Amino acid sequence: MLKSQEKQQKYYNRKAKSRIFQKVEKVLVLLPTDSSKLLLQWKGPFEVIEKVREDDYKIQLTGRTKMFHANMLKKYFERDQEVSEEQTDLSVQQLSAVILEN
């Protein structure tokens, strides 16, 4: 029995990730879609207000706060909005070269 449990634990832990969020950090929340409560999608970003228990966090949703387990949360990474004209021109030149080759 113990051998079986250890084998299952090892298999489970291969892909398991520890999710720890800090206060004021931005996260995405897995919530039901507007069309169906059975379909879920990542929505956000929302702000972490506090850590309640080991894996439970209070999240500031629009107009209210709600508690979620860490499995329902994913860290949000901001995209860099600034793209210099030089990088854009280079991309266009590279794309043009690929098109001309074909």
C-alpha atoms as a PDB file:
ATOM      1  CA  MET A   1       0.000   0.000   0.000  1.00  0.00           C
ATOM      2  CA  LEU A   2       2.782   2.437   0.940  1.00  0.00           C
ATOM      3  CA  LYS A   3       4.685   1.639  -2.243  1.00  0.00           C
ATOM      4  CA  SER A   4       1.602   2.424  -4.295  1.00  0.00           C
ATOM      5  CA  GLN A   5       1.035   5.716  -2.444  1.00  0.00           C
ATOM      6  CA  GLU A   6       4.638   6.800  -2.981  1.00  0.00           C
ATOM      7  CA  LYS A   7       4.408   5.975  -6.682  1.00  0.00           C
ATOM      8  CA  GLN A   8       1.170   7.969  -7.059  1.00  0.00           C
ATOM      9  CA  GLN A   9       2.594  10.891  -5.064  1.00  0.00           C
ATOM     10  CA  LYS A  10       5.709  10.963  -7.244  1.00  0.00           C
ATOM     11  CA  TYR A  11       3.574  10.910 -10.405  1.00  0.00           C
ATOM     12  CA  TYR A  12       1.318  13.720  -9.122  1.00  0.00           C
ATOM     13  CA  ASN A  13       4.187  15.928  -7.950  1.00  0.00           C
ATOM     14  CA  ARG A  14       5.938  15.859 -11.344  1.00  0.00           C
ATOM     15  CA  LYS A  15       3.648  18.556 -12.738  1.00  0.00           C
ATOM     16  CA  ALA A  16       2.414  20.143  -9.511  1.00  0.00           C
ATOM     17  CA  LYS A  17       3.530  23.736  -8.963  1.00  0.00           C
ATOM     18  CA  SER A  18       3.561  25.701  -5.759  1.00  0.00           C
ATOM     19  CA  ARG A  19       1.663  28.962  -6.262  1.00  0.00           C
ATOM     20  CA  ILE A  20       2.519  31.726  -3.850  1.00  0.00           C
ATOM     21  CA  PHE A  21       1.241  35.259  -4.396  1.00  0.00           C
ATOM     22  CA  GLN A  22       2.205  38.472  -2.644  1.00  0.00           C
ATOM     23  CA  LYS A  23      -0.094  41.253  -1.512  1.00  0.00           C
ATOM     24  CA  VAL A  24      -0.881  43.809  -4.301  1.00  0.00           C
ATOM     25  CA  GLU A  25       0.325  41.337  -6.966  1.00  0.00           C
ATOM     26  CA  LYS A  26      -1.779  41.023 -10.147  1.00  0.00           C
ATOM     27  CA  VAL A  27      -3.359  37.630 -10.914  1.00  0.00           C
ATOM     28  CA  LEU A  28      -5.736  36.053 -13.424  1.00  0.00           C
ATOM     29  CA  VAL A  29      -8.726  34.149 -12.012  1.00  0.00           C
ATOM     30  CA  LEU A  30     -10.366  31.093 -13.587  1.00  0.00           C
ATOM     31  CA  LEU A  31     -14.041  32.114 -13.761  1.00  0.00           C
ATOM     32  CA  PRO A  32     -17.151  30.898 -15.621  1.00  0.00           C
ATOM     33  CA  THR A  33     -17.846  32.514 -18.994  1.00  0.00           C
ATOM     34  CA  ASP A  34     -20.793  34.849 -19.489  1.00  0.00           C
ATOM     35  CA  SER A  35     -22.549  32.332 -21.749  1.00  0.00           C
ATOM     36  CA  SER A  36     -22.136  29.150 -19.666  1.00  0.00           C
ATOM     37  CA  LYS A  37     -21.317  28.467 -16.027  1.00  0.00           C
ATOM     38  CA  LEU A  38     -19.740  25.155 -17.066  1.00  0.00           C
ATOM     39  CA  LEU A  39     -17.128  26.779 -19.341  1.00  0.00           C
ATOM     40  CA  LEU A  40     -14.237  28.503 -17.593  1.00  0.00           C
ATOM     41  CA  GLN A  41     -11.772  31.106 -18.813  1.00  0.00           C
ATOM     42  CA  TRP A  42      -8.972  33.191 -17.321  1.00  0.00           C
ATOM     43  CA  LYS A  43     -10.215  36.686 -16.480  1.00  0.00           C
ATOM     44  CA  GLY A  44      -8.427  39.666 -15.011  1.00  0.00           C
ATOM     45  CA  PRO A  45      -6.038  41.000 -13.985  1.00  0.00           C
ATOM     46  CA  PHE A  46      -7.212  41.380 -10.412  1.00  0.00           C
ATOM     47  CA  GLU A  47      -5.288  42.380  -7.300  1.00  0.00           C
ATOM     48  CA  VAL A  48      -4.397  40.099  -4.376  1.00  0.00           C
ATOM     49  CA  ILE A  49      -5.590  41.707  -1.137  1.00  0.00           C
ATOM     50  CA  GLU A  50      -4.307  39.160   1.379  1.00  0.00           C
ATOM     51  CA  LYS A  51      -3.338  35.556   1.983  1.00  0.00           C
ATOM     52  CA  VAL A  52      -6.041  33.981   4.150  1.00  0.00           C
ATOM     53  CA  ARG A  53      -4.756  30.438   4.648  1.00  0.00           C
ATOM     54  CA  GLU A  54      -1.978  28.347   3.142  1.00  0.00           C
ATOM     55  CA  ASP A  55      -3.534  28.215  -0.349  1.00  0.00           C
ATOM     56  CA  ASP A  56      -6.439  30.685  -0.095  1.00  0.00           C
ATOM     57  CA  TYR A  57      -6.265  34.313  -1.197  1.00  0.00           C
ATOM     58  CA  LYS A  58      -8.663  37.260  -1.064  1.00  0.00           C
ATOM     59  CA  ILE A  59      -8.907  38.856  -4.505  1.00  0.00           C
ATOM     60  CA  GLN A  60     -10.324  42.299  -5.334  1.00  0.00           C
ATOM     61  CA  LEU A  61     -12.810  41.697  -8.143  1.00  0.00           C
ATOM     62  CA  THR A  62     -14.698  44.579  -9.740  1.00  0.00           C
ATOM     63  CA  GLY A  63     -16.806  45.978  -6.922  1.00  0.00           C
ATOM     64  CA  ARG A  64     -16.275  43.190  -4.369  1.00  0.00           C
ATOM     65  CA  THR A  65     -13.718  40.895  -2.749  1.00  0.00           C
ATOM     66  CA  LYS A  66     -13.837  37.129  -3.009  1.00  0.00           C
ATOM     67  CA  MET A  67     -11.688  34.256  -1.738  1.00  0.00           C
ATOM     68  CA  PHE A  68     -10.082  31.805  -4.194  1.00  0.00           C
ATOM     69  CA  HIS A  69      -7.867  28.746  -3.842  1.00  0.00           C
ATOM     70  CA  ALA A  70      -4.407  29.046  -5.425  1.00  0.00           C
ATOM     71  CA  ASN A  71      -5.400  26.455  -8.067  1.00  0.00           C
ATOM     72  CA  MET A  72      -7.858  28.993  -9.490  1.00  0.00           C
ATOM     73  CA  LEU A  73      -5.213  31.727  -9.778  1.00  0.00           C
ATOM     74  CA  LYS A  74      -2.382  32.406 -12.193  1.00  0.00           C
ATOM     75  CA  LYS A  75       0.252  35.147 -11.995  1.00  0.00           C
ATOM     76  CA  TYR A  76      -0.330  38.031 -14.410  1.00  0.00           C
ATOM     77  CA  PHE A  77       2.630  39.396 -16.377  1.00  0.00           C
ATOM     78  CA  GLU A  78       2.397  42.880 -17.897  1.00  0.00           C
ATOM     79  CA  ARG A  79       3.352  43.237 -21.549  1.00  0.00           C
ATOM     80  CA  ASP A  80       5.760  45.927 -22.665  1.00  0.00           C
ATOM     81  CA  GLN A  81       3.589  48.381 -24.608  1.00  0.00           C
ATOM     82  CA  GLU A  82       6.446  50.481 -25.880  1.00  0.00           C
ATOM     83  CA  VAL A  83       7.811  49.249 -29.188  1.00  0.00           C
ATOM     84  CA  SER A  84      10.356  51.520 -30.727  1.00  0.00           C
ATOM     85  CA  GLU A  85       9.964  52.556 -34.356  1.00  0.00           C
ATOM     86  CA  GLU A  86      13.370  51.063 -35.055  1.00  0.00           C
ATOM     87  CA  GLN A  87      12.195  47.586 -33.987  1.00  0.00           C
ATOM     88  CA  THR A  88       9.003  47.955 -36.036  1.00  0.00           C
ATOM     89  CA  ASP A  89      10.926  49.016 -39.144  1.00  0.00           C
ATOM     90  CA  LEU A  90      13.304  46.086 -38.711  1.00  0.00           C
ATOM     91  CA  SER A  91      10.370  43.642 -38.438  1.00  0.00           C
ATOM     92  CA  VAL A  92       8.786  45.022 -41.595  1.00  0.00           C
ATOM     93  CA  GLN A  93      12.090  44.750 -43.456  1.00  0.00           C
ATOM     94  CA  GLN A  94      12.554  41.138 -42.324  1.00  0.00           C
ATOM     95  CA  LEU A  95       8.997  40.261 -43.331  1.00  0.00           C
ATOM     96  CA  SER A  96       9.461  41.915 -46.731  1.00  0.00           C
ATOM     97  CA  ALA A  97      12.687  39.948 -47.294  1.00  0.00           C
ATOM     98  CA  VAL A  98      10.918  36.648 -46.499  1.00  0.00           C
ATOM     99  CA  ILE A  99       8.051  37.473 -48.865  1.00  0.00           C
ATOM    100  CA  LEU A 100      10.427  38.433 -51.673  1.00  0.00           C
ATOM    101  CA  GLU A 101      12.401  35.202 -51.267  1.00  0.00           C
ATOM    102  CA  ASN A 102       9.264  33.110 -51.797  1.00  0.00           C
END
